[in-house]
Amino acid sequence: MTTVLIGLHIIVSIALIVIVLLQMGKGAQAGASFGAGGSQAMFGSTSGNFMSKITAGAAIIFMLTSLSLAYFYGSASSQTVMPSSVAAPVQTPAAPATPVAPTPVAPEKK
């Protein structure tokens, strides 16, 4: 199940990159800088074209696969790669030894 989701996620992410790169930018039209009709709206043209609908669909699929992969891989797993016969038991650290006071050294006379 997760292998299929990972494959779909990779395909959709590559497709999303290609779709976004194929779209024309807002200022790509020469008339937009001189006040053409498309630039009169606040965010450009209000009607969605075919590419914007494909982009929205790919983005929704990308988010759904991201959430589902996070759900599947986020659950706590009790599996380990180490077999139980090889795994070392957990040891508690030993109590620190009490420090020994240093013996005073008499200064040398010259």
PDB file of N, CA and C in Angstrom:
ATOM      1  N   MET A   1       0.821  -1.195   0.000  1.00  0.00           N
ATOM      2  CA  MET A   1       0.000   0.000   0.000  1.00  0.00           C
ATOM      3  C   MET A   1       0.866   1.262   0.000  1.00  0.00           C
ATOM      4  N   THR A   2       1.864   1.279   0.868  1.00  0.00           N
ATOM      5  CA  THR A   2       2.718   2.464   0.918  1.00  0.00           C
ATOM      6  C   THR A   2       3.578   2.585  -0.335  1.00  0.00           C
ATOM      7  N   THR A   3       3.931   1.457  -0.946  1.00  0.00           N
ATOM      8  CA  THR A   3       4.723   1.517  -2.177  1.00  0.00           C
ATOM      9  C   THR A   3       3.926   2.177  -3.293  1.00  0.00           C
ATOM     10  N   VAL A   4       2.642   1.858  -3.368  1.00  0.00           N
ATOM     11  CA  VAL A   4       1.787   2.471  -4.382  1.00  0.00           C
ATOM     12  C   VAL A   4       1.637   3.970  -4.105  1.00  0.00           C
ATOM     13  N   LEU A   5       1.477   4.331  -2.832  1.00  0.00           N
ATOM     14  CA  LEU A   5       1.351   5.746  -2.476  1.00  0.00           C
ATOM     15  C   LEU A   5       2.628   6.524  -2.771  1.00  0.00           C
ATOM     16  N   ILE A   6       3.774   5.920  -2.497  1.00  0.00           N
ATOM     17  CA  ILE A   6       5.046   6.594  -2.786  1.00  0.00           C
ATOM     18  C   ILE A   6       5.202   6.799  -4.296  1.00  0.00           C
ATOM     19  N   GLY A   7       4.868   5.772  -5.075  1.00  0.00           N
ATOM     20  CA  GLY A   7       4.944   5.901  -6.531  1.00  0.00           C
ATOM     21  C   GLY A   7       4.012   6.976  -7.060  1.00  0.00           C
ATOM     22  N   LEU A   8       2.776   6.993  -6.567  1.00  0.00           N
ATOM     23  CA  LEU A   8       1.820   8.022  -6.974  1.00  0.00           C
ATOM     24  C   LEU A   8       2.282   9.411  -6.550  1.00  0.00           C
ATOM     25  N   HIS A   9       2.859   9.498  -5.364  1.00  0.00           N
ATOM     26  CA  HIS A   9       3.345  10.785  -4.852  1.00  0.00           C
ATOM     27  C   HIS A   9       4.481  11.325  -5.721  1.00  0.00           C
ATOM     28  N   ILE A  10       5.383  10.473  -6.119  1.00  0.00           N
ATOM     29  CA  ILE A  10       6.506  10.899  -6.975  1.00  0.00           C
ATOM     30  C   ILE A  10       6.003  11.336  -8.342  1.00  0.00           C
ATOM     31  N   ILE A  11       5.073  10.564  -8.922  1.00  0.00           N
ATOM     32  CA  ILE A  11       4.540  10.904 -10.242  1.00  0.00           C
ATOM     33  C   ILE A  11       3.792  12.235 -10.194  1.00  0.00           C
ATOM     34  N   VAL A  12       2.973  12.419  -9.161  1.00  0.00           N
ATOM     35  CA  VAL A  12       2.196  13.658  -9.049  1.00  0.00           C
ATOM     36  C   VAL A  12       3.111  14.851  -8.794  1.00  0.00           C
ATOM     37  N   SER A  13       4.160  14.674  -7.991  1.00  0.00           N
ATOM     38  CA  SER A  13       5.055  15.802  -7.735  1.00  0.00           C
ATOM     39  C   SER A  13       5.823  16.205  -8.991  1.00  0.00           C
ATOM     40  N   ILE A  14       6.247  15.245  -9.789  1.00  0.00           N
ATOM     41  CA  ILE A  14       6.923  15.576 -11.058  1.00  0.00           C
ATOM     42  C   ILE A  14       5.942  16.252 -12.006  1.00  0.00           C
ATOM     43  N   ALA A  15       4.708  15.728 -12.068  1.00  0.00           N
ATOM     44  CA  ALA A  15       3.698  16.334 -12.933  1.00  0.00           C
ATOM     45  C   ALA A  15       3.366  17.750 -12.481  1.00  0.00           C
ATOM     46  N   LEU A  16       3.311  17.965 -11.183  1.00  0.00           N
ATOM     47  CA  LEU A  16       3.016  19.302 -10.657  1.00  0.00           C
ATOM     48  C   LEU A  16       4.116  20.299 -11.020  1.00  0.00           C
ATOM     49  N   ILE A  17       5.352  19.852 -10.953  1.00  0.00           N
ATOM     50  CA  ILE A  17       6.475  20.717 -11.348  1.00  0.00           C
ATOM     51  C   ILE A  17       6.375  21.075 -12.825  1.00  0.00           C
ATOM     52  N   VAL A  18       6.107  20.090 -13.667  1.00  0.00           N
ATOM     53  CA  VAL A  18       6.020  20.331 -15.105  1.00  0.00           C
ATOM     54  C   VAL A  18       4.842  21.245 -15.427  1.00  0.00           C
ATOM     55  N   ILE A  19       3.692  21.011 -14.789  1.00  0.00           N
ATOM     56  CA  ILE A  19       2.509  21.829 -15.058  1.00  0.00           C
ATOM     57  C   ILE A  19       2.748  23.284 -14.666  1.00  0.00           C
ATOM     58  N   VAL A  20       3.363  23.500 -13.518  1.00  0.00           N
ATOM     59  CA  VAL A  20       3.623  24.874 -13.081  1.00  0.00           C
ATOM     60  C   VAL A  20       4.624  25.561 -14.017  1.00  0.00           C
ATOM     61  N   LEU A  21       5.629  24.825 -14.471  1.00  0.00           N
ATOM     62  CA  LEU A  21       6.604  25.430 -15.369  1.00  0.00           C
ATOM     63  C   LEU A  21       6.032  25.713 -16.750  1.00  0.00           C
ATOM     64  N   LEU A  22       5.015  24.975 -17.175  1.00  0.00           N
ATOM     65  CA  LEU A  22       4.406  25.202 -18.479  1.00  0.00           C
ATOM     66  C   LEU A  22       3.468  26.403 -18.490  1.00  0.00           C
ATOM     67  N   GLN A  23       2.991  26.814 -17.336  1.00  0.00           N
ATOM     68  CA  GLN A  23       2.048  27.932 -17.292  1.00  0.00           C
ATOM     69  C   GLN A  23       2.749  29.252 -17.563  1.00  0.00           C
ATOM     70  N   MET A  24       1.976  30.142 -18.141  1.00  0.00           N
ATOM     71  CA  MET A  24       2.487  31.462 -18.452  1.00  0.00           C
ATOM     72  C   MET A  24       2.299  32.360 -17.235  1.00  0.00           C
ATOM     73  N   GLY A  25       3.284  33.179 -16.934  1.00  0.00           N
ATOM     74  CA  GLY A  25       3.196  34.066 -15.790  1.00  0.00           C
ATOM     75  C   GLY A  25       2.182  35.175 -15.997  1.00  0.00           C
ATOM     76  N   LYS A  26       1.862  35.898 -14.916  1.00  0.00           N
ATOM     77  CA  LYS A  26       0.871  36.971 -14.997  1.00  0.00           C
ATOM     78  C   LYS A  26       1.366  38.119 -15.888  1.00  0.00           C
ATOM     79  N   GLY A  27       2.630  38.443 -15.842  1.00  0.00           N
ATOM     80  CA  GLY A  27       3.148  39.555 -16.626  1.00  0.00           C
ATOM     81  C   GLY A  27       3.766  39.125 -17.936  1.00  0.00           C
ATOM     82  N   ALA A  28       3.469  37.915 -18.398  1.00  0.00           N
ATOM     83  CA  ALA A  28       4.105  37.410 -19.608  1.00  0.00           C
ATOM     84  C   ALA A  28       3.509  38.023 -20.870  1.00  0.00           C
ATOM     85  N   GLN A  29       2.319  38.584 -20.778  1.00  0.00           N
ATOM     86  CA  GLN A  29       1.712  39.190 -21.958  1.00  0.00           C
ATOM     87  C   GLN A  29       2.263  40.606 -22.115  1.00  0.00           C
ATOM     88  N   ALA A  30       2.556  40.962 -23.317  1.00  0.00           N
ATOM     89  CA  ALA A  30       3.133  42.288 -23.570  1.00  0.00           C
ATOM     90  C   ALA A  30       2.122  43.393 -23.270  1.00  0.00           C
ATOM     91  N   GLY A  31       0.848  43.147 -23.500  1.00  0.00           N
ATOM     92  CA  GLY A  31      -0.164  44.163 -23.279  1.00  0.00           C
ATOM     93  C   GLY A  31      -0.479  44.396 -21.822  1.00  0.00           C
ATOM     94  N   ALA A  32      -0.101  43.466 -20.930  1.00  0.00           N
ATOM     95  CA  ALA A  32      -0.420  43.595 -19.509  1.00  0.00           C
ATOM     96  C   ALA A  32       0.312  44.778 -18.886  1.00  0.00           C
ATOM     97  N   SER A  33       1.490  45.061 -19.369  1.00  0.00           N
ATOM     98  CA  SER A  33       2.231  46.179 -18.786  1.00  0.00           C
ATOM     99  C   SER A  33       1.704  47.532 -19.257  1.00  0.00           C
ATOM    100  N   PHE A  34       0.946  47.540 -20.375  1.00  0.00           N
ATOM    101  CA  PHE A  34       0.410  48.799 -20.893  1.00  0.00           C
ATOM    102  C   PHE A  34      -1.078  48.957 -20.602  1.00  0.00           C
ATOM    103  N   GLY A  35      -1.609  48.132 -19.698  1.00  0.00           N
ATOM    104  CA  GLY A  35      -2.996  48.303 -19.301  1.00  0.00           C
ATOM    105  C   GLY A  35      -3.982  47.542 -20.145  1.00  0.00           C
ATOM    106  N   ALA A  36      -3.652  46.361 -20.605  1.00  0.00           N
ATOM    107  CA  ALA A  36      -4.589  45.552 -21.376  1.00  0.00           C
ATOM    108  C   ALA A  36      -5.696  45.039 -20.460  1.00  0.00           C
ATOM    109  N   GLY A  37      -6.723  44.459 -21.029  1.00  0.00           N
ATOM    110  CA  GLY A  37      -7.906  44.063 -20.280  1.00  0.00           C
ATOM    111  C   GLY A  37      -7.656  43.029 -19.205  1.00  0.00           C
ATOM    112  N   GLY A  38      -6.713  42.114 -19.379  1.00  0.00           N
ATOM    113  CA  GLY A  38      -6.472  41.067 -18.392  1.00  0.00           C
ATOM    114  C   GLY A  38      -5.872  41.589 -17.108  1.00  0.00           C
ATOM    115  N   SER A  39      -5.201  42.718 -17.179  1.00  0.00           N
ATOM    116  CA  SER A  39      -4.543  43.245 -15.984  1.00  0.00           C
ATOM    117  C   SER A  39      -5.449  44.158 -15.174  1.00  0.00           C
ATOM    118  N   GLN A  40      -6.695  44.383 -15.643  1.00  0.00           N
ATOM    119  CA  GLN A  40      -7.589  45.275 -14.932  1.00  0.00           C
ATOM    120  C   GLN A  40      -8.139  44.652 -13.657  1.00  0.00           C
ATOM    121  N   ALA A  41      -8.228  43.325 -13.614  1.00  0.00           N
ATOM    122  CA  ALA A  41      -8.712  42.657 -12.410  1.00  0.00           C
ATOM    123  C   ALA A  41      -7.613  42.702 -11.354  1.00  0.00           C
ATOM    124  N   MET A  42      -7.990  42.468 -10.111  1.00  0.00           N
ATOM    125  CA  MET A  42      -7.017  42.572  -9.020  1.00  0.00           C
ATOM    126  C   MET A  42      -5.903  41.538  -9.148  1.00  0.00           C
ATOM    127  N   PHE A  43      -6.266  40.299  -9.440  1.00  0.00           N
ATOM    128  CA  PHE A  43      -5.267  39.240  -9.565  1.00  0.00           C
ATOM    129  C   PHE A  43      -5.228  38.696 -10.985  1.00  0.00           C
ATOM    130  N   GLY A  44      -5.410  39.506 -11.948  1.00  0.00           N
ATOM    131  CA  GLY A  44      -5.393  39.075 -13.328  1.00  0.00           C
ATOM    132  C   GLY A  44      -6.771  38.594 -13.755  1.00  0.00           C
ATOM    133  N   SER A  45      -6.825  37.759 -14.752  1.00  0.00           N
ATOM    134  CA  SER A  45      -8.087  37.264 -15.270  1.00  0.00           C
ATOM    135  C   SER A  45      -8.791  36.405 -14.232  1.00  0.00           C
ATOM    136  N   THR A  46     -10.114  36.557 -14.112  1.00  0.00           N
ATOM    137  CA  THR A  46     -10.861  35.821 -13.092  1.00  0.00           C
ATOM    138  C   THR A  46     -11.313  34.451 -13.569  1.00  0.00           C
ATOM    139  N   SER A  47     -11.351  34.217 -14.859  1.00  0.00           N
ATOM    140  CA  SER A  47     -11.795  32.910 -15.346  1.00  0.00           C
ATOM    141  C   SER A  47     -10.625  31.930 -15.304  1.00  0.00           C
ATOM    142  N   GLY A  48     -10.872  30.725 -14.760  1.00  0.00           N
ATOM    143  CA  GLY A  48      -9.822  29.716 -14.686  1.00  0.00           C
ATOM    144  C   GLY A  48      -9.717  28.958 -15.989  1.00  0.00           C
ATOM    145  N   ASN A  49      -8.536  28.776 -16.475  1.00  0.00           N
ATOM    146  CA  ASN A  49      -8.361  28.031 -17.710  1.00  0.00           C
ATOM    147  C   ASN A  49      -8.046  26.570 -17.400  1.00  0.00           C
ATOM    148  N   PHE A  50      -7.780  25.815 -18.430  1.00  0.00           N
ATOM    149  CA  PHE A  50      -7.558  24.377 -18.296  1.00  0.00           C
ATOM    150  C   PHE A  50      -6.319  24.062 -17.452  1.00  0.00           C
ATOM    151  N   MET A  51      -5.256  24.816 -17.640  1.00  0.00           N
ATOM    152  CA  MET A  51      -4.013  24.545 -16.906  1.00  0.00           C
ATOM    153  C   MET A  51      -4.155  24.837 -15.415  1.00  0.00           C
ATOM    154  N   SER A  52      -4.901  25.865 -15.060  1.00  0.00           N
ATOM    155  CA  SER A  52      -5.072  26.166 -13.640  1.00  0.00           C
ATOM    156  C   SER A  52      -5.913  25.093 -12.955  1.00  0.00           C
ATOM    157  N   LYS A  53      -6.868  24.508 -13.687  1.00  0.00           N
ATOM    158  CA  LYS A  53      -7.670  23.426 -13.104  1.00  0.00           C
ATOM    159  C   LYS A  53      -6.845  22.150 -12.936  1.00  0.00           C
ATOM    160  N   ILE A  54      -5.957  21.882 -13.880  1.00  0.00           N
ATOM    161  CA  ILE A  54      -5.071  20.720 -13.753  1.00  0.00           C
ATOM    162  C   ILE A  54      -4.106  20.934 -12.583  1.00  0.00           C
ATOM    163  N   THR A  55      -3.604  22.154 -12.437  1.00  0.00           N
ATOM    164  CA  THR A  55      -2.701  22.469 -11.329  1.00  0.00           C
ATOM    165  C   THR A  55      -3.391  22.267  -9.991  1.00  0.00           C
ATOM    166  N   ALA A  56      -4.632  22.726  -9.879  1.00  0.00           N
ATOM    167  CA  ALA A  56      -5.384  22.562  -8.629  1.00  0.00           C
ATOM    168  C   ALA A  56      -5.637  21.083  -8.332  1.00  0.00           C
ATOM    169  N   GLY A  57      -5.960  20.314  -9.345  1.00  0.00           N
ATOM    170  CA  GLY A  57      -6.184  18.877  -9.146  1.00  0.00           C
ATOM    171  C   GLY A  57      -4.919  18.156  -8.716  1.00  0.00           C
ATOM    172  N   ALA A  58      -3.805  18.481  -9.363  1.00  0.00           N
ATOM    173  CA  ALA A  58      -2.535  17.848  -8.994  1.00  0.00           C
ATOM    174  C   ALA A  58      -2.107  18.256  -7.592  1.00  0.00           C
ATOM    175  N   ALA A  59      -2.370  19.505  -7.215  1.00  0.00           N
ATOM    176  CA  ALA A  59      -2.016  19.960  -5.866  1.00  0.00           C
ATOM    177  C   ALA A  59      -2.855  19.242  -4.813  1.00  0.00           C
ATOM    178  N   ILE A  60      -4.129  19.013  -5.093  1.00  0.00           N
ATOM    179  CA  ILE A  60      -4.992  18.292  -4.151  1.00  0.00           C
ATOM    180  C   ILE A  60      -4.525  16.853  -4.000  1.00  0.00           C
ATOM    181  N   ILE A  61      -4.201  16.199  -5.106  1.00  0.00           N
ATOM    182  CA  ILE A  61      -3.706  14.811  -5.039  1.00  0.00           C
ATOM    183  C   ILE A  61      -2.384  14.758  -4.288  1.00  0.00           C
ATOM    184  N   PHE A  62      -1.501  15.740  -4.523  1.00  0.00           N
ATOM    185  CA  PHE A  62      -0.219  15.798  -3.830  1.00  0.00           C
ATOM    186  C   PHE A  62      -0.408  15.923  -2.325  1.00  0.00           C
ATOM    187  N   MET A  63      -1.324  16.798  -1.914  1.00  0.00           N
ATOM    188  CA  MET A  63      -1.568  16.969  -0.481  1.00  0.00           C
ATOM    189  C   MET A  63      -2.191  15.729   0.144  1.00  0.00           C
ATOM    190  N   LEU A  64      -3.103  15.073  -0.568  1.00  0.00           N
ATOM    191  CA  LEU A  64      -3.723  13.860  -0.032  1.00  0.00           C
ATOM    192  C   LEU A  64      -2.702  12.725   0.117  1.00  0.00           C
ATOM    193  N   THR A  65      -1.819  12.572  -0.865  1.00  0.00           N
ATOM    194  CA  THR A  65      -0.798  11.531  -0.739  1.00  0.00           C
ATOM    195  C   THR A  65       0.195  11.879   0.365  1.00  0.00           C
ATOM    196  N   SER A  66       0.504  13.162   0.535  1.00  0.00           N
ATOM    197  CA  SER A  66       1.407  13.570   1.619  1.00  0.00           C
ATOM    198  C   SER A  66       0.806  13.259   2.978  1.00  0.00           C
ATOM    199  N   LEU A  67      -0.465  13.584   3.152  1.00  0.00           N
ATOM    200  CA  LEU A  67      -1.132  13.309   4.429  1.00  0.00           C
ATOM    201  C   LEU A  67      -1.252  11.817   4.701  1.00  0.00           C
ATOM    202  N   SER A  68      -1.575  11.043   3.677  1.00  0.00           N
ATOM    203  CA  SER A  68      -1.712   9.601   3.893  1.00  0.00           C
ATOM    204  C   SER A  68      -0.365   8.940   4.176  1.00  0.00           C
ATOM    205  N   LEU A  69       0.704   9.384   3.515  1.00  0.00           N
ATOM    206  CA  LEU A  69       2.032   8.841   3.819  1.00  0.00           C
ATOM    207  C   LEU A  69       2.474   9.227   5.220  1.00  0.00           C
ATOM    208  N   ALA A  70       2.165  10.433   5.637  1.00  0.00           N
ATOM    209  CA  ALA A  70       2.496  10.849   7.003  1.00  0.00           C
ATOM    210  C   ALA A  70       1.719  10.026   8.022  1.00  0.00           C
ATOM    211  N   TYR A  71       0.476   9.689   7.713  1.00  0.00           N
ATOM    212  CA  TYR A  71      -0.328   8.871   8.620  1.00  0.00           C
ATOM    213  C   TYR A  71       0.246   7.456   8.732  1.00  0.00           C
ATOM    214  N   PHE A  72       0.598   6.860   7.582  1.00  0.00           N
ATOM    215  CA  PHE A  72       1.102   5.482   7.600  1.00  0.00           C
ATOM    216  C   PHE A  72       2.471   5.371   8.267  1.00  0.00           C
ATOM    217  N   TYR A  73       3.340   6.338   8.017  1.00  0.00           N
ATOM    218  CA  TYR A  73       4.682   6.263   8.586  1.00  0.00           C
ATOM    219  C   TYR A  73       4.790   6.920   9.953  1.00  0.00           C
ATOM    220  N   GLY A  74       3.753   7.611  10.387  1.00  0.00           N
ATOM    221  CA  GLY A  74       3.789   8.273  11.682  1.00  0.00           C
ATOM    222  C   GLY A  74       3.349   7.389  12.826  1.00  0.00           C
ATOM    223  N   SER A  75       2.726   6.258  12.532  1.00  0.00           N
ATOM    224  CA  SER A  75       2.273   5.378  13.610  1.00  0.00           C
ATOM    225  C   SER A  75       3.468   4.736  14.293  1.00  0.00           C
ATOM    226  N   ALA A  76       3.339   4.517  15.603  1.00  0.00           N
ATOM    227  CA  ALA A  76       4.435   3.931  16.378  1.00  0.00           C
ATOM    228  C   ALA A  76       4.654   2.483  15.941  1.00  0.00           C
ATOM    229  N   SER A  77       5.873   2.147  15.699  1.00  0.00           N
ATOM    230  CA  SER A  77       6.224   0.802  15.255  1.00  0.00           C
ATOM    231  C   SER A  77       7.018   0.101  16.346  1.00  0.00           C
ATOM    232  N   SER A  78       6.647  -1.134  16.627  1.00  0.00           N
ATOM    233  CA  SER A  78       7.360  -1.888  17.654  1.00  0.00           C
ATOM    234  C   SER A  78       8.420  -2.795  17.049  1.00  0.00           C
ATOM    235  N   GLN A  79       8.641  -2.679  15.762  1.00  0.00           N
ATOM    236  CA  GLN A  79       9.634  -3.516  15.110  1.00  0.00           C
ATOM    237  C   GLN A  79      11.020  -2.918  15.295  1.00  0.00           C
ATOM    238  N   THR A  80      12.014  -3.791  15.294  1.00  0.00           N
ATOM    239  CA  THR A  80      13.391  -3.360  15.390  1.00  0.00           C
ATOM    240  C   THR A  80      14.224  -4.154  14.404  1.00  0.00           C
ATOM    241  N   VAL A  81      15.332  -3.620  14.004  1.00  0.00           N
ATOM    242  CA  VAL A  81      16.200  -4.328  13.078  1.00  0.00           C
ATOM    243  C   VAL A  81      17.128  -5.290  13.811  1.00  0.00           C
ATOM    244  N   MET A  82      17.283  -5.098  15.114  1.00  0.00           N
ATOM    245  CA  MET A  82      18.148  -5.961  15.906  1.00  0.00           C
ATOM    246  C   MET A  82      17.335  -7.120  16.479  1.00  0.00           C
ATOM    247  N   PRO A  83      17.791  -8.352  16.291  1.00  0.00           N
ATOM    248  CA  PRO A  83      17.093  -9.468  16.927  1.00  0.00           C
ATOM    249  C   PRO A  83      17.267  -9.415  18.445  1.00  0.00           C
ATOM    250  N   SER A  84      16.354 -10.025  19.169  1.00  0.00           N
ATOM    251  CA  SER A  84      16.384  -9.937  20.624  1.00  0.00           C
ATOM    252  C   SER A  84      17.601 -10.638  21.224  1.00  0.00           C
ATOM    253  N   SER A  85      18.164 -11.631  20.541  1.00  0.00           N
ATOM    254  CA  SER A  85      19.329 -12.332  21.083  1.00  0.00           C
ATOM    255  C   SER A  85      20.594 -11.485  20.993  1.00  0.00           C
ATOM    256  N   VAL A  86      20.629 -10.536  20.068  1.00  0.00           N
ATOM    257  CA  VAL A  86      21.821  -9.726  19.873  1.00  0.00           C
ATOM    258  C   VAL A  86      21.736  -8.431  20.682  1.00  0.00           C
ATOM    259  N   ALA A  87      20.549  -7.946  20.910  1.00  0.00           N
ATOM    260  CA  ALA A  87      20.395  -6.658  21.584  1.00  0.00           C
ATOM    261  C   ALA A  87      20.908  -6.744  23.012  1.00  0.00           C
ATOM    262  N   ALA A  88      21.718  -5.790  23.392  1.00  0.00           N
ATOM    263  CA  ALA A  88      22.297  -5.762  24.735  1.00  0.00           C
ATOM    264  C   ALA A  88      21.263  -5.209  25.715  1.00  0.00           C
ATOM    265  N   PRO A  89      21.260  -5.734  26.937  1.00  0.00           N
ATOM    266  CA  PRO A  89      20.318  -5.191  27.918  1.00  0.00           C
ATOM    267  C   PRO A  89      20.726  -3.765  28.317  1.00  0.00           C
ATOM    268  N   VAL A  90      19.754  -2.998  28.695  1.00  0.00           N
ATOM    269  CA  VAL A  90      20.009  -1.622  29.098  1.00  0.00           C
ATOM    270  C   VAL A  90      20.578  -1.629  30.503  1.00  0.00           C
ATOM    271  N   GLN A  91      21.705  -0.980  30.677  1.00  0.00           N
ATOM    272  CA  GLN A  91      22.351  -0.936  31.979  1.00  0.00           C
ATOM    273  C   GLN A  91      22.230   0.466  32.541  1.00  0.00           C
ATOM    274  N   THR A  92      21.991   0.536  33.842  1.00  0.00           N
ATOM    275  CA  THR A  92      21.929   1.841  34.493  1.00  0.00           C
ATOM    276  C   THR A  92      23.350   2.294  34.797  1.00  0.00           C
ATOM    277  N   PRO A  93      23.624   3.568  34.716  1.00  0.00           N
ATOM    278  CA  PRO A  93      24.991   4.040  34.980  1.00  0.00           C
ATOM    279  C   PRO A  93      25.339   3.876  36.463  1.00  0.00           C
ATOM    280  N   ALA A  94      26.602   3.604  36.722  1.00  0.00           N
ATOM    281  CA  ALA A  94      27.068   3.439  38.092  1.00  0.00           C
ATOM    282  C   ALA A  94      27.086   4.794  38.786  1.00  0.00           C
ATOM    283  N   ALA A  95      26.931   4.738  40.093  1.00  0.00           N
ATOM    284  CA  ALA A  95      26.969   5.978  40.872  1.00  0.00           C
ATOM    285  C   ALA A  95      28.388   6.538  40.841  1.00  0.00           C
ATOM    286  N   PRO A  96      28.530   7.834  40.758  1.00  0.00           N
ATOM    287  CA  PRO A  96      29.882   8.399  40.699  1.00  0.00           C
ATOM    288  C   PRO A  96      30.616   8.186  42.026  1.00  0.00           C
ATOM    289  N   ALA A  97      31.886   7.928  41.914  1.00  0.00           N
ATOM    290  CA  ALA A  97      32.701   7.713  43.113  1.00  0.00           C
ATOM    291  C   ALA A  97      32.888   9.043  43.839  1.00  0.00           C
ATOM    292  N   THR A  98      33.026   8.950  45.161  1.00  0.00           N
ATOM    293  CA  THR A  98      33.238  10.168  45.932  1.00  0.00           C
ATOM    294  C   THR A  98      34.667  10.646  45.687  1.00  0.00           C
ATOM    295  N   PRO A  99      34.842  11.918  45.431  1.00  0.00           N
ATOM    296  CA  PRO A  99      36.197  12.408  45.129  1.00  0.00           C
ATOM    297  C   PRO A  99      37.074  12.374  46.372  1.00  0.00           C
ATOM    298  N   VAL A 100      38.326  12.043  46.169  1.00  0.00           N
ATOM    299  CA  VAL A 100      39.303  12.002  47.255  1.00  0.00           C
ATOM    300  C   VAL A 100      39.937  13.386  47.355  1.00  0.00           C
ATOM    301  N   ALA A 101      40.015  13.894  48.573  1.00  0.00           N
ATOM    302  CA  ALA A 101      40.613  15.205  48.771  1.00  0.00           C
ATOM    303  C   ALA A 101      42.106  15.126  48.478  1.00  0.00           C
ATOM    304  N   PRO A 102      42.641  16.087  47.745  1.00  0.00           N
ATOM    305  CA  PRO A 102      44.067  16.054  47.435  1.00  0.00           C
ATOM    306  C   PRO A 102      44.891  16.316  48.695  1.00  0.00           C
ATOM    307  N   THR A 103      46.022  15.660  48.783  1.00  0.00           N
ATOM    308  CA  THR A 103      46.913  15.875  49.929  1.00  0.00           C
ATOM    309  C   THR A 103      47.694  17.155  49.710  1.00  0.00           C
ATOM    310  N   PRO A 104      47.814  17.971  50.740  1.00  0.00           N
ATOM    311  CA  PRO A 104      48.545  19.245  50.558  1.00  0.00           C
ATOM    312  C   PRO A 104      50.034  18.971  50.347  1.00  0.00           C
ATOM    313  N   VAL A 105      50.599  19.731  49.476  1.00  0.00           N
ATOM    314  CA  VAL A 105      52.034  19.614  49.158  1.00  0.00           C
ATOM    315  C   VAL A 105      52.726  20.837  49.732  1.00  0.00           C
ATOM    316  N   ALA A 106      53.783  20.588  50.486  1.00  0.00           N
ATOM    317  CA  ALA A 106      54.541  21.694  51.077  1.00  0.00           C
ATOM    318  C   ALA A 106      55.393  22.346  50.019  1.00  0.00           C
ATOM    319  N   PRO A 107      55.480  23.673  50.003  1.00  0.00           N
ATOM    320  CA  PRO A 107      56.308  24.345  49.010  1.00  0.00           C
ATOM    321  C   PRO A 107      57.784  24.087  49.298  1.00  0.00           C
ATOM    322  N   GLU A 108      58.527  24.038  48.221  1.00  0.00           N
ATOM    323  CA  GLU A 108      59.973  23.792  48.343  1.00  0.00           C
ATOM    324  C   GLU A 108      60.685  25.056  48.776  1.00  0.00           C
ATOM    325  N   LYS A 109      61.718  24.871  49.599  1.00  0.00           N
ATOM    326  CA  LYS A 109      62.509  26.012  50.058  1.00  0.00           C
ATOM    327  C   LYS A 109      63.763  26.107  49.217  1.00  0.00           C
ATOM    328  N   LYS A 110      64.181  27.302  48.918  1.00  0.00           N
ATOM    329  CA  LYS A 110      65.379  27.501  48.118  1.00  0.00           C
ATOM    330  C   LYS A 110      66.501  28.024  48.951  1.00  0.00           C
TER     331      LYS A 110
END
